[in-house]
Amino acid sequence: MSKKLVLDRAVTRGECPELPEDLPAGSVVYVYNGPTYNRISLAGIAVTNWPDHPQFYELPLRALANPPKKNGSGLLARFLSYLGLVHS
């Protein structure tokens, strides 16, 4: 089953044009585990509105109250964490 995530702040379609609608702080989304076809940036995460749903969109990691770790523990991950783009 997909991991449940909670938005720490509102995310609008102005910030993320592919959102189906503006999402208020506290909204629940789920990690998308399927293929993303290289459409997700290093500062974002693929999510869905329902667990195991096939339609996904990108949200910024910084908008999540409980972001999952991304990119393991390699040099790139440490650098992105240093820049504040991902949480370590």
Protein backbone atom coordinates (compact mmCIF):
# COMPACT_ATOMS: atom_id res chain seq x y z
CA MET A 1 0.00 0.00 0.00
CA SER A 2 1.16 3.56 -0.72
CA LYS A 3 2.54 5.73 2.05
CA LYS A 4 0.18 8.46 3.25
CA LEU A 5 1.56 12.03 3.19
CA VAL A 6 0.12 15.27 4.60
CA LEU A 7 0.62 18.74 3.11
CA ASP A 8 2.27 21.15 5.51
CA ARG A 9 1.15 24.12 3.43
CA ALA A 10 -1.24 24.89 0.61
CA VAL A 11 -0.11 24.11 -2.95
CA THR A 12 -1.86 25.91 -5.81
CA ARG A 13 -2.19 25.23 -9.51
CA GLY A 14 -0.12 28.39 -10.03
CA GLU A 15 2.83 26.63 -8.38
CA CYS A 16 2.09 23.17 -9.83
CA PRO A 17 0.03 23.49 -13.04
CA GLU A 18 -0.62 19.75 -13.35
CA LEU A 19 -2.56 19.62 -10.06
CA PRO A 20 -6.19 18.59 -10.54
CA GLU A 21 -7.15 21.41 -8.08
CA ASP A 22 -5.58 23.64 -5.43
CA LEU A 23 -4.69 21.62 -2.34
CA PRO A 24 -5.07 23.24 1.10
CA ALA A 25 -2.69 22.62 3.99
CA GLY A 26 -3.59 19.37 5.72
CA SER A 27 -4.61 17.61 2.51
CA VAL A 28 -3.76 13.91 2.37
CA VAL A 29 -2.02 12.44 -0.68
CA TYR A 30 -0.28 9.10 -1.28
CA VAL A 31 3.13 8.24 -2.71
CA TYR A 32 2.88 7.04 -6.30
CA ASN A 33 5.03 3.94 -6.83
CA GLY A 34 4.56 3.37 -10.57
CA PRO A 35 6.59 4.61 -13.55
CA THR A 36 6.92 8.41 -13.80
CA TYR A 37 8.69 8.57 -17.17
CA ASN A 38 11.27 11.09 -15.84
CA ARG A 39 8.57 13.71 -15.19
CA ILE A 40 9.41 14.24 -11.50
CA SER A 41 12.15 16.68 -10.48
CA LEU A 42 14.67 16.03 -7.71
CA ALA A 43 12.86 18.59 -5.54
CA GLY A 44 9.49 16.87 -6.00
CA ILE A 45 7.66 13.64 -5.43
CA ALA A 46 5.03 11.77 -7.45
CA VAL A 47 1.75 11.47 -5.56
CA THR A 48 -1.86 10.45 -6.11
CA ASN A 49 -5.13 11.36 -4.40
CA TRP A 50 -5.93 7.73 -3.52
CA PRO A 51 -3.73 4.76 -2.57
CA ASP A 52 -2.46 2.79 -5.57
CA HIS A 53 -4.24 5.08 -8.07
CA PRO A 54 -2.62 5.15 -11.58
CA GLN A 55 -2.89 8.92 -12.18
CA PHE A 56 -0.06 10.89 -10.54
CA TYR A 57 1.21 14.44 -10.28
CA GLU A 58 4.25 16.13 -8.75
CA LEU A 59 4.27 17.99 -5.45
CA PRO A 60 7.26 19.83 -3.99
CA LEU A 61 8.91 17.90 -1.15
CA ARG A 62 8.99 21.14 0.87
CA ALA A 63 5.18 21.18 0.94
CA LEU A 64 4.98 17.91 2.89
CA ALA A 65 4.79 17.60 6.66
CA ASN A 66 6.29 14.10 6.54
CA PRO A 67 8.40 13.85 3.35
CA PRO A 68 9.97 10.48 2.58
CA LYS A 69 13.72 10.26 2.13
CA LYS A 70 14.77 10.53 -1.48
CA ASN A 71 17.91 9.47 -3.40
CA GLY A 72 19.46 7.31 -0.68
CA SER A 73 22.67 8.40 1.01
CA GLY A 74 24.88 9.21 -1.99
CA LEU A 75 26.80 12.38 -2.75
CA LEU A 76 23.92 13.88 -4.76
CA ALA A 77 21.49 13.30 -1.89
CA ARG A 78 23.83 14.97 0.61
CA PHE A 79 24.32 17.94 -1.73
CA LEU A 80 20.57 18.36 -2.29
CA SER A 81 19.98 18.11 1.44
CA TYR A 82 22.64 20.79 2.01
CA LEU A 83 20.80 23.04 -0.44
CA GLY A 84 17.55 22.35 1.40
CA LEU A 85 15.93 20.67 -1.62
CA VAL A 86 15.41 17.33 0.11
CA HIS A 87 15.22 16.36 3.76
CA SER A 88 17.85 14.04 5.11
